């Protein structure tokens, strides 16, 4: 019988050595209010307290192929596109490993002398998922490549999100501020909460519209923006909002670069929902969360 992994008793982790497990092998992140489910290929979703009514990222059950949708990093390196967790592009990796620990998951992939190690966890007393991505050039020459992040917003009510298309296609709303993409669907009308996805570095572009990033007839495995080699700075107005950062990176031999992404959730009192203009969302709490990492 084929072995897909083993227990590391010293580090108290389960180590998965093949991305093609019999079914997605998942870990649970979070202990208080913010929770995430993450598979060994970075699939899954996040929510705040209620997995139906406060769903933050979208996930499709009984999908074909299975386990599509999650928090993805796409790397485009000299014509080769790959993910640290193998899926959804499914380019064969030179090395793959997933370590599910107590409240954290570390997924490592290597391709053509580039190593990408992604650590996912939900800190205590924190309404967000922290994603630390360490990129290392293990080769003997400089390496220039492009990085795309990806998360797809759920329109809050997970059941309504996958059924009420006549209404949902007109509700999606976003804001972009620097390297932070805010999901503010229904915030003006009837909600006191919004979500955000950010990275602690400057970016070279972004996308917030799913069709612009993936392409109308493409899938998660062949997004159009990655094929084009750049983001289009799309701005979602209805339809399916997403959050994707685009960054061009050059690493010298042996050099590493660490990027910290945060997927966060914020609730605001009714009298403090907006800034003085009455239009821009009040980002005070979000800024405080971002500054912690």
C-alpha atoms as a PDB file:
ATOM      1  CA  UNK A   1       0.000   0.000   0.000  1.00  0.00           C
ATOM      2  CA  UNK A   2       1.299   3.435  -0.930  1.00  0.00           C
ATOM      3  CA  UNK A   3       2.315   5.654   1.977  1.00  0.00           C
ATOM      4  CA  UNK A   4       1.231   9.296   1.775  1.00  0.00           C
ATOM      5  CA  UNK A   5       2.748  10.507   5.035  1.00  0.00           C
ATOM      6  CA  UNK A   6       3.755   9.830   8.610  1.00  0.00           C
ATOM      7  CA  UNK A   7       3.647  11.265  12.127  1.00  0.00           C
ATOM      8  CA  UNK A   8       6.605  13.330  13.300  1.00  0.00           C
ATOM      9  CA  UNK A   9       6.468  12.631  17.034  1.00  0.00           C
ATOM     10  CA  UNK A  10       9.236  15.094  17.866  1.00  0.00           C
ATOM     11  CA  UNK A  11       7.556  18.077  16.200  1.00  0.00           C
ATOM     12  CA  UNK A  12       4.026  16.762  16.841  1.00  0.00           C
ATOM     13  CA  UNK A  13       3.069  17.134  13.186  1.00  0.00           C
ATOM     14  CA  UNK A  14       1.590  14.935  10.513  1.00  0.00           C
ATOM     15  CA  UNK A  15       3.843  15.044   7.467  1.00  0.00           C
ATOM     16  CA  UNK A  16       2.289  14.535   4.023  1.00  0.00           C
ATOM     17  CA  UNK A  17       4.758  13.728   1.264  1.00  0.00           C
ATOM     18  CA  UNK A  18       2.453  13.502  -1.745  1.00  0.00           C
ATOM     19  CA  UNK A  19      -0.146  16.114  -2.747  1.00  0.00           C
ATOM     20  CA  UNK A  20      -2.324  13.428  -4.347  1.00  0.00           C
ATOM     21  CA  UNK A  21      -3.788  11.985  -1.158  1.00  0.00           C
ATOM     22  CA  UNK A  22      -6.847   9.686  -1.359  1.00  0.00           C
ATOM     23  CA  UNK A  23      -8.982  12.664  -0.304  1.00  0.00           C
ATOM     24  CA  UNK A  24      -8.023  16.155   0.879  1.00  0.00           C
ATOM     25  CA  UNK A  25      -6.371  15.840   4.289  1.00  0.00           C
ATOM     26  CA  UNK A  26      -7.310  18.931   6.243  1.00  0.00           C
ATOM     27  CA  UNK A  27      -6.272  20.832   9.326  1.00  0.00           C
ATOM     28  CA  UNK A  28      -8.317  23.172  11.524  1.00  0.00           C
ATOM     29  CA  UNK A  29      -6.886  26.589  12.359  1.00  0.00           C
ATOM     30  CA  UNK A  30      -8.254  28.874  15.071  1.00  0.00           C
ATOM     31  CA  UNK A  31      -9.515  28.480  18.634  1.00  0.00           C
ATOM     32  CA  UNK A  32     -11.737  31.468  19.407  1.00  0.00           C
ATOM     33  CA  UNK A  33     -13.758  33.383  16.788  1.00  0.00           C
ATOM     34  CA  UNK A  34     -11.893  33.192  13.469  1.00  0.00           C
ATOM     35  CA  UNK A  35     -11.459  29.748  11.929  1.00  0.00           C
ATOM     36  CA  UNK A  36      -9.967  28.243   8.793  1.00  0.00           C
ATOM     37  CA  UNK A  37     -10.015  24.818   7.206  1.00  0.00           C
ATOM     38  CA  UNK A  38      -6.961  24.081   5.083  1.00  0.00           C
ATOM     39  CA  UNK A  39      -6.141  21.002   3.048  1.00  0.00           C
ATOM     40  CA  UNK A  40      -2.715  19.617   2.211  1.00  0.00           C
ATOM     41  CA  UNK A  41      -2.842  21.538  -1.095  1.00  0.00           C
ATOM     42  CA  UNK A  42      -4.029  24.838   0.491  1.00  0.00           C
ATOM     43  CA  UNK A  43      -7.687  24.314  -0.370  1.00  0.00           C
ATOM     44  CA  UNK A  44     -10.459  25.195   2.069  1.00  0.00           C
ATOM     45  CA  UNK A  45     -12.136  28.272   3.492  1.00  0.00           C
ATOM     46  CA  UNK A  46     -12.301  30.712   6.412  1.00  0.00           C
ATOM     47  CA  UNK A  47     -15.170  32.036   8.523  1.00  0.00           C
ATOM     48  CA  UNK A  48     -15.929  34.148  11.574  1.00  0.00           C
ATOM     49  CA  UNK A  49     -17.864  32.320  14.321  1.00  0.00           C
ATOM     50  CA  UNK A  50     -20.581  30.980  11.994  1.00  0.00           C
ATOM     51  CA  UNK A  51     -19.484  28.859   9.028  1.00  0.00           C
ATOM     52  CA  UNK A  52     -22.672  29.646   7.131  1.00  0.00           C
ATOM     53  CA  UNK A  53     -23.586  33.238   8.001  1.00  0.00           C
ATOM     54  CA  UNK A  54     -20.061  34.675   8.270  1.00  0.00           C
ATOM     55  CA  UNK A  55     -18.269  32.759   5.530  1.00  0.00           C
ATOM     56  CA  UNK A  56     -15.306  34.831   4.371  1.00  0.00           C
ATOM     57  CA  UNK A  57     -13.920  32.832   1.452  1.00  0.00           C
ATOM     58  CA  UNK A  58     -15.832  30.738  -1.043  1.00  0.00           C
ATOM     59  CA  UNK A  59     -15.631  26.945  -1.282  1.00  0.00           C
ATOM     60  CA  UNK A  60     -17.491  24.601  -3.618  1.00  0.00           C
ATOM     61  CA  UNK A  61     -18.613  21.292  -2.174  1.00  0.00           C
ATOM     62  CA  UNK A  62     -18.777  18.138  -4.298  1.00  0.00           C
ATOM     63  CA  UNK A  63     -16.709  19.917  -6.903  1.00  0.00           C
ATOM     64  CA  UNK A  64     -15.009  18.249  -9.857  1.00  0.00           C
ATOM     65  CA  UNK A  65     -12.096  18.027  -9.472  1.00  0.00           C
ATOM     66  CA  UNK A  66     -12.265  17.894  -5.680  1.00  0.00           C
ATOM     67  CA  UNK A  67     -10.852  20.515  -3.327  1.00  0.00           C
ATOM     68  CA  UNK A  68     -11.007  23.460  -5.716  1.00  0.00           C
ATOM     69  CA  UNK A  69     -10.896  26.880  -4.094  1.00  0.00           C
ATOM     70  CA  UNK A  70      -8.601  28.037  -1.327  1.00  0.00           C
ATOM     71  CA  UNK A  71      -5.729  30.366  -0.624  1.00  0.00           C
ATOM     72  CA  UNK A  72      -3.362  30.016  -3.560  1.00  0.00           C
ATOM     73  CA  UNK A  73       0.033  31.368  -4.550  1.00  0.00           C
ATOM     74  CA  UNK A  74       0.862  31.171  -8.251  1.00  0.00           C
ATOM     75  CA  UNK A  75       4.521  31.421  -9.249  1.00  0.00           C
ATOM     76  CA  UNK A  76       5.438  32.150 -12.862  1.00  0.00           C
ATOM     77  CA  UNK A  77       9.129  31.417 -13.360  1.00  0.00           C
ATOM     78  CA  UNK A  78      10.549  31.673 -16.874  1.00  0.00           C
ATOM     79  CA  UNK A  79       7.538  30.063 -18.513  1.00  0.00           C
ATOM     80  CA  UNK A  80       6.797  27.533 -15.767  1.00  0.00           C
ATOM     81  CA  UNK A  81       3.737  28.167 -13.593  1.00  0.00           C
ATOM     82  CA  UNK A  82       3.376  26.277 -10.322  1.00  0.00           C
ATOM     83  CA  UNK A  83       1.907  26.344  -6.818  1.00  0.00           C
ATOM     84  CA  UNK A  84       3.791  25.509  -3.601  1.00  0.00           C
ATOM     85  CA  UNK A  85       0.973  23.096  -2.731  1.00  0.00           C
ATOM     86  CA  UNK A  86       0.875  21.551  -6.249  1.00  0.00           C
ATOM     87  CA  UNK A  87      -2.808  22.375  -6.787  1.00  0.00           C
ATOM     88  CA  UNK A  88      -4.553  23.917  -8.640  1.00  0.00           C
ATOM     89  CA  UNK A  89      -2.027  24.222 -11.500  1.00  0.00           C
ATOM     90  CA  UNK A  90      -0.726  20.693 -10.732  1.00  0.00           C
ATOM     91  CA  UNK A  91       2.715  21.220 -12.214  1.00  0.00           C
ATOM     92  CA  UNK A  92       4.987  18.389 -11.074  1.00  0.00           C
ATOM     93  CA  UNK A  93       7.196  19.665  -8.251  1.00  0.00           C
ATOM     94  CA  UNK A  94      10.806  18.789  -7.520  1.00  0.00           C
ATOM     95  CA  UNK A  95       9.851  18.621  -3.835  1.00  0.00           C
ATOM     96  CA  UNK A  96       6.565  18.757  -1.943  1.00  0.00           C
ATOM     97  CA  UNK A  97       5.741  18.538   1.738  1.00  0.00           C
ATOM     98  CA  UNK A  98       2.813  19.502   3.948  1.00  0.00           C
ATOM     99  CA  UNK A  99       3.116  19.578   7.728  1.00  0.00           C
ATOM    100  CA  UNK A 100      -0.148  19.777   9.663  1.00  0.00           C
ATOM    101  CA  UNK A 101       0.582  20.892  13.221  1.00  0.00           C
ATOM    102  CA  UNK A 102      -1.534  21.946  16.178  1.00  0.00           C
ATOM    103  CA  UNK A 103      -3.213  25.070  14.822  1.00  0.00           C
ATOM    104  CA  UNK A 104      -0.853  25.653  11.905  1.00  0.00           C
ATOM    105  CA  UNK A 105       0.035  24.183   8.527  1.00  0.00           C
ATOM    106  CA  UNK A 106       3.300  24.501   6.590  1.00  0.00           C
ATOM    107  CA  UNK A 107       3.309  23.701   2.867  1.00  0.00           C
ATOM    108  CA  UNK A 108       6.625  23.618   1.003  1.00  0.00           C
ATOM    109  CA  UNK A 109       7.193  23.271  -2.712  1.00  0.00           C
ATOM    110  CA  UNK A 110      10.313  23.472  -4.861  1.00  0.00           C
ATOM    111  CA  UNK A 111      10.635  23.890  -8.612  1.00  0.00           C
ATOM    112  CA  UNK A 112      13.692  24.736 -10.723  1.00  0.00           C
ATOM    113  CA  UNK A 113      15.831  25.837  -7.749  1.00  0.00           C
ATOM    114  CA  UNK A 114      13.110  28.067  -6.300  1.00  0.00           C
ATOM    115  CA  UNK A 115      11.741  27.097  -2.887  1.00  0.00           C
ATOM    116  CA  UNK A 116       8.416  28.398  -1.556  1.00  0.00           C
ATOM    117  CA  UNK A 117       7.460  27.696   2.053  1.00  0.00           C
ATOM    118  CA  UNK A 118       4.002  28.872   3.144  1.00  0.00           C
ATOM    119  CA  UNK A 119       2.985  28.831   6.816  1.00  0.00           C
ATOM    120  CA  UNK A 120      -0.699  29.314   7.676  1.00  0.00           C
ATOM    121  CA  UNK A 121      -2.029  29.995  11.181  1.00  0.00           C
ATOM    122  CA  UNK A 122      -4.688  31.910  13.120  1.00  0.00           C
ATOM    123  CA  UNK A 123      -3.169  33.744  16.114  1.00  0.00           C
ATOM    124  CA  UNK A 124      -4.997  33.849  19.425  1.00  0.00           C
ATOM    125  CA  UNK A 125      -7.079  36.981  20.036  1.00  0.00           C
ATOM    126  CA  UNK A 126      -6.867  37.802  16.341  1.00  0.00           C
ATOM    127  CA  UNK A 127      -9.628  37.739  13.729  1.00  0.00           C
ATOM    128  CA  UNK A 128      -7.546  36.692  10.775  1.00  0.00           C
ATOM    129  CA  UNK A 129      -5.416  34.070   9.078  1.00  0.00           C
ATOM    130  CA  UNK A 130      -1.723  34.887   8.745  1.00  0.00           C
ATOM    131  CA  UNK A 131       0.097  33.460   5.737  1.00  0.00           C
ATOM    132  CA  UNK A 132       3.883  33.709   5.795  1.00  0.00           C
ATOM    133  CA  UNK A 133       5.477  32.962   2.432  1.00  0.00           C
ATOM    134  CA  UNK A 134       9.263  32.515   2.302  1.00  0.00           C
ATOM    135  CA  UNK A 135      10.769  32.415  -1.186  1.00  0.00           C
ATOM    136  CA  UNK A 136      14.370  31.215  -1.563  1.00  0.00           C
ATOM    137  CA  UNK A 137      16.621  31.002  -4.594  1.00  0.00           C
ATOM    138  CA  UNK A 138      18.546  27.753  -4.125  1.00  0.00           C
ATOM    139  CA  UNK A 139      20.270  28.017  -7.500  1.00  0.00           C
ATOM    140  CA  UNK A 140      23.623  29.468  -8.562  1.00  0.00           C
ATOM    141  CA  UNK A 141      22.264  32.321 -10.708  1.00  0.00           C
ATOM    142  CA  UNK A 142      19.854  35.188 -10.126  1.00  0.00           C
ATOM    143  CA  UNK A 143      16.196  34.321 -10.542  1.00  0.00           C
ATOM    144  CA  UNK A 144      13.391  36.685 -11.570  1.00  0.00           C
ATOM    145  CA  UNK A 145       9.800  35.527 -11.334  1.00  0.00           C
ATOM    146  CA  UNK A 146       6.237  36.712 -10.803  1.00  0.00           C
ATOM    147  CA  UNK A 147       4.002  35.984  -7.828  1.00  0.00           C
ATOM    148  CA  UNK A 148       0.200  36.094  -7.758  1.00  0.00           C
ATOM    149  CA  UNK A 149      -1.861  35.559  -4.600  1.00  0.00           C
ATOM    150  CA  UNK A 150      -5.506  34.512  -4.763  1.00  0.00           C
ATOM    151  CA  UNK A 151      -8.546  34.354  -2.494  1.00  0.00           C
ATOM    152  CA  UNK A 152     -12.190  34.341  -3.606  1.00  0.00           C
ATOM    153  CA  UNK A 153     -14.676  36.166  -1.406  1.00  0.00           C
ATOM    154  CA  UNK A 154     -17.865  34.480  -0.294  1.00  0.00           C
ATOM    155  CA  UNK A 155     -20.835  36.858  -0.190  1.00  0.00           C
ATOM    156  CA  UNK A 156     -21.179  36.162   3.557  1.00  0.00           C
ATOM    157  CA  UNK A 157     -24.118  33.723   3.701  1.00  0.00           C
ATOM    158  CA  UNK A 158     -22.593  30.494   2.384  1.00  0.00           C
ATOM    159  CA  UNK A 159     -25.914  28.920   1.437  1.00  0.00           C
ATOM    160  CA  UNK A 160     -27.291  32.020  -0.253  1.00  0.00           C
ATOM    161  CA  UNK A 161     -23.918  32.501  -1.940  1.00  0.00           C
ATOM    162  CA  UNK A 162     -24.324  29.311  -3.959  1.00  0.00           C
ATOM    163  CA  UNK A 163     -28.048  29.559  -4.725  1.00  0.00           C
ATOM    164  CA  UNK A 164     -29.361  33.117  -5.060  1.00  0.00           C
ATOM    165  CA  UNK A 165     -27.496  34.112  -8.216  1.00  0.00           C
ATOM    166  CA  UNK A 166     -30.170  36.508  -9.464  1.00  0.00           C
ATOM    167  CA  UNK A 167     -29.411  38.747  -6.504  1.00  0.00           C
ATOM    168  CA  UNK A 168     -25.789  37.930  -5.727  1.00  0.00           C
ATOM    169  CA  UNK A 169     -24.400  38.919  -9.097  1.00  0.00           C
ATOM    170  CA  UNK A 170     -25.210  42.549  -8.303  1.00  0.00           C
ATOM    171  CA  UNK A 171     -23.984  42.843  -4.692  1.00  0.00           C
ATOM    172  CA  UNK A 172     -20.195  42.375  -4.712  1.00  0.00           C
ATOM    173  CA  UNK A 173     -18.205  45.472  -3.682  1.00  0.00           C
ATOM    174  CA  UNK A 174     -14.514  46.132  -2.991  1.00  0.00           C
ATOM    175  CA  UNK A 175     -12.054  48.882  -2.090  1.00  0.00           C
ATOM    176  CA  UNK A 176      -8.307  48.909  -2.725  1.00  0.00           C
ATOM    177  CA  UNK A 177      -5.841  50.826  -0.573  1.00  0.00           C
ATOM    178  CA  UNK A 178      -2.159  50.293  -1.287  1.00  0.00           C
ATOM    179  CA  UNK A 179      -1.474  46.567  -0.892  1.00  0.00           C
ATOM    180  CA  UNK A 180      -4.797  45.858   0.840  1.00  0.00           C
ATOM    181  CA  UNK A 181      -7.956  44.670  -0.890  1.00  0.00           C
ATOM    182  CA  UNK A 182     -11.177  45.159   1.088  1.00  0.00           C
ATOM    183  CA  UNK A 183     -14.341  43.121   0.640  1.00  0.00           C
ATOM    184  CA  UNK A 184     -17.292  45.334   1.573  1.00  0.00           C
ATOM    185  CA  UNK A 185     -20.281  43.578   0.006  1.00  0.00           C
ATOM    186  CA  UNK A 186     -23.536  44.820   1.624  1.00  0.00           C
ATOM    187  CA  UNK A 187     -21.550  46.914   4.106  1.00  0.00           C
ATOM    188  CA  UNK A 188     -23.365  50.119   3.217  1.00  0.00           C
ATOM    189  CA  UNK A 189     -26.800  48.527   3.131  1.00  0.00           C
ATOM    190  CA  UNK A 190     -27.143  46.133   6.036  1.00  0.00           C
ATOM    191  CA  UNK A 191     -23.873  44.800   7.414  1.00  0.00           C
ATOM    192  CA  UNK A 192     -21.447  45.998  10.077  1.00  0.00           C
ATOM    193  CA  UNK A 193     -18.522  43.847   8.930  1.00  0.00           C
ATOM    194  CA  UNK A 194     -16.021  43.626   6.099  1.00  0.00           C
ATOM    195  CA  UNK A 195     -12.976  41.517   5.251  1.00  0.00           C
ATOM    196  CA  UNK A 196      -9.568  42.276   3.808  1.00  0.00           C
ATOM    197  CA  UNK A 197      -6.579  40.562   2.212  1.00  0.00           C
ATOM    198  CA  UNK A 198      -3.226  42.308   2.447  1.00  0.00           C
ATOM    199  CA  UNK A 199       0.520  41.801   2.085  1.00  0.00           C
ATOM    200  CA  UNK A 200       3.312  43.607   3.928  1.00  0.00           C
ATOM    201  CA  UNK A 201       5.086  44.891   0.830  1.00  0.00           C
ATOM    202  CA  UNK A 202       4.457  47.039  -2.203  1.00  0.00           C
ATOM    203  CA  UNK A 203       2.759  45.334  -5.130  1.00  0.00           C
ATOM    204  CA  UNK A 204       2.968  45.760  -8.888  1.00  0.00           C
ATOM    205  CA  UNK A 205      -0.725  45.236  -9.505  1.00  0.00           C
ATOM    206  CA  UNK A 206      -3.891  43.560  -8.324  1.00  0.00           C
ATOM    207  CA  UNK A 207      -7.156  42.015  -9.432  1.00  0.00           C
ATOM    208  CA  UNK A 208     -10.502  42.059  -7.644  1.00  0.00           C
ATOM    209  CA  UNK A 209     -12.737  40.647 -10.398  1.00  0.00           C
ATOM    210  CA  UNK A 210     -12.743  36.861 -10.805  1.00  0.00           C
ATOM    211  CA  UNK A 211     -13.456  36.843 -14.531  1.00  0.00           C
ATOM    212  CA  UNK A 212     -10.592  39.268 -15.135  1.00  0.00           C
ATOM    213  CA  UNK A 213      -8.149  37.156 -13.129  1.00  0.00           C
ATOM    214  CA  UNK A 214      -9.199  33.624 -14.076  1.00  0.00           C
ATOM    215  CA  UNK A 215     -10.887  34.252 -17.409  1.00  0.00           C
ATOM    216  CA  UNK A 216     -14.486  33.473 -18.231  1.00  0.00           C
ATOM    217  CA  UNK A 217     -13.731  30.013 -19.647  1.00  0.00           C
ATOM    218  CA  UNK A 218     -10.668  29.149 -17.580  1.00  0.00           C
ATOM    219  CA  UNK A 219     -10.325  27.436 -14.217  1.00  0.00           C
ATOM    220  CA  UNK A 220      -8.216  27.776 -11.088  1.00  0.00           C
ATOM    221  CA  UNK A 221      -5.529  25.740 -12.837  1.00  0.00           C
ATOM    222  CA  UNK A 222      -5.000  28.158 -15.723  1.00  0.00           C
ATOM    223  CA  UNK A 223      -5.869  31.719 -14.673  1.00  0.00           C
ATOM    224  CA  UNK A 224      -5.725  34.251 -17.479  1.00  0.00           C
ATOM    225  CA  UNK A 225      -3.838  36.902 -15.493  1.00  0.00           C
ATOM    226  CA  UNK A 226      -1.010  34.464 -14.776  1.00  0.00           C
ATOM    227  CA  UNK A 227      -0.900  33.434 -18.436  1.00  0.00           C
ATOM    228  CA  UNK A 228      -0.775  37.117 -19.409  1.00  0.00           C
ATOM    229  CA  UNK A 229       2.120  37.643 -17.015  1.00  0.00           C
ATOM    230  CA  UNK A 230       0.576  40.548 -15.139  1.00  0.00           C
ATOM    231  CA  UNK A 231      -2.484  41.754 -13.260  1.00  0.00           C
ATOM    232  CA  UNK A 232      -5.036  44.005 -14.934  1.00  0.00           C
ATOM    233  CA  UNK A 233      -5.956  46.082 -11.854  1.00  0.00           C
ATOM    234  CA  UNK A 234      -9.557  44.968 -12.303  1.00  0.00           C
ATOM    235  CA  UNK A 235     -12.171  46.448  -9.990  1.00  0.00           C
ATOM    236  CA  UNK A 236     -15.164  44.278  -9.111  1.00  0.00           C
ATOM    237  CA  UNK A 237     -18.615  45.834  -9.249  1.00  0.00           C
ATOM    238  CA  UNK A 238     -21.008  42.976  -8.646  1.00  0.00           C
ATOM    239  CA  UNK A 239     -20.423  39.490 -10.052  1.00  0.00           C
ATOM    240  CA  UNK A 240     -17.683  37.551  -8.204  1.00  0.00           C
ATOM    241  CA  UNK A 241     -15.177  39.629  -6.219  1.00  0.00           C
ATOM    242  CA  UNK A 242     -11.749  38.205  -5.413  1.00  0.00           C
ATOM    243  CA  UNK A 243      -8.464  39.429  -3.970  1.00  0.00           C
ATOM    244  CA  UNK A 244      -5.224  38.878  -5.868  1.00  0.00           C
ATOM    245  CA  UNK A 245      -1.875  40.615  -5.406  1.00  0.00           C
ATOM    246  CA  UNK A 246       0.713  40.698  -8.181  1.00  0.00           C
ATOM    247  CA  UNK A 247       4.416  41.171  -7.473  1.00  0.00           C
ATOM    248  CA  UNK A 248       7.602  40.905  -9.529  1.00  0.00           C
ATOM    249  CA  UNK A 249      10.530  39.481  -7.556  1.00  0.00           C
ATOM    250  CA  UNK A 250      14.249  38.991  -8.205  1.00  0.00           C
ATOM    251  CA  UNK A 251      16.392  36.887  -5.870  1.00  0.00           C
ATOM    252  CA  UNK A 252      20.144  36.475  -5.966  1.00  0.00           C
ATOM    253  CA  UNK A 253      21.669  33.013  -5.357  1.00  0.00           C
ATOM    254  CA  UNK A 254      20.950  31.980  -1.777  1.00  0.00           C
ATOM    255  CA  UNK A 255      18.713  34.997  -1.157  1.00  0.00           C
ATOM    256  CA  UNK A 256      15.325  34.695   0.543  1.00  0.00           C
ATOM    257  CA  UNK A 257      12.354  37.027   0.673  1.00  0.00           C
ATOM    258  CA  UNK A 258       9.595  36.808   3.273  1.00  0.00           C
ATOM    259  CA  UNK A 259       6.106  38.104   2.566  1.00  0.00           C
ATOM    260  CA  UNK A 260       3.307  38.140   5.134  1.00  0.00           C
ATOM    261  CA  UNK A 261      -0.254  37.988   3.835  1.00  0.00           C
ATOM    262  CA  UNK A 262      -3.241  38.498   6.148  1.00  0.00           C
ATOM    263  CA  UNK A 263      -6.835  37.477   5.525  1.00  0.00           C
ATOM    264  CA  UNK A 264      -8.777  39.446   8.125  1.00  0.00           C
ATOM    265  CA  UNK A 265     -12.286  40.180   9.408  1.00  0.00           C
ATOM    266  CA  UNK A 266     -13.503  43.430  10.996  1.00  0.00           C
ATOM    267  CA  UNK A 267     -16.735  44.524  12.696  1.00  0.00           C
ATOM    268  CA  UNK A 268     -17.514  48.208  13.204  1.00  0.00           C
ATOM    269  CA  UNK A 269     -20.074  50.069  15.376  1.00  0.00           C
ATOM    270  CA  UNK A 270     -22.906  51.610  13.366  1.00  0.00           C
ATOM    271  CA  UNK A 271     -21.741  55.165  14.062  1.00  0.00           C
ATOM    272  CA  UNK A 272     -18.162  54.428  12.963  1.00  0.00           C
ATOM    273  CA  UNK A 273     -18.694  52.424   9.791  1.00  0.00           C
ATOM    274  CA  UNK A 274     -17.478  55.149   7.432  1.00  0.00           C
ATOM    275  CA  UNK A 275     -14.952  57.942   7.290  1.00  0.00           C
ATOM    276  CA  UNK A 276     -16.016  61.592   7.225  1.00  0.00           C
ATOM    277  CA  UNK A 277     -16.988  61.470   3.547  1.00  0.00           C
ATOM    278  CA  UNK A 278     -19.676  58.906   4.354  1.00  0.00           C
ATOM    279  CA  UNK A 279     -18.467  56.675   1.522  1.00  0.00           C
ATOM    280  CA  UNK A 280     -15.035  55.280   2.406  1.00  0.00           C
ATOM    281  CA  UNK A 281     -15.119  52.466   4.939  1.00  0.00           C
ATOM    282  CA  UNK A 282     -13.488  53.112   8.301  1.00  0.00           C
ATOM    283  CA  UNK A 283     -10.303  51.049   8.200  1.00  0.00           C
ATOM    284  CA  UNK A 284      -9.000  51.926  11.667  1.00  0.00           C
ATOM    285  CA  UNK A 285      -9.367  48.401  13.058  1.00  0.00           C
ATOM    286  CA  UNK A 286      -8.017  46.836   9.883  1.00  0.00           C
ATOM    287  CA  UNK A 287      -4.926  49.043   9.990  1.00  0.00           C
ATOM    288  CA  UNK A 288      -4.303  48.021  13.603  1.00  0.00           C
ATOM    289  CA  UNK A 289      -4.542  44.336  12.664  1.00  0.00           C
ATOM    290  CA  UNK A 290      -2.193  44.780   9.723  1.00  0.00           C
ATOM    291  CA  UNK A 291       0.400  46.595  11.838  1.00  0.00           C
ATOM    292  CA  UNK A 292       0.705  43.580  14.140  1.00  0.00           C
ATOM    293  CA  UNK A 293       2.349  41.549  11.385  1.00  0.00           C
END
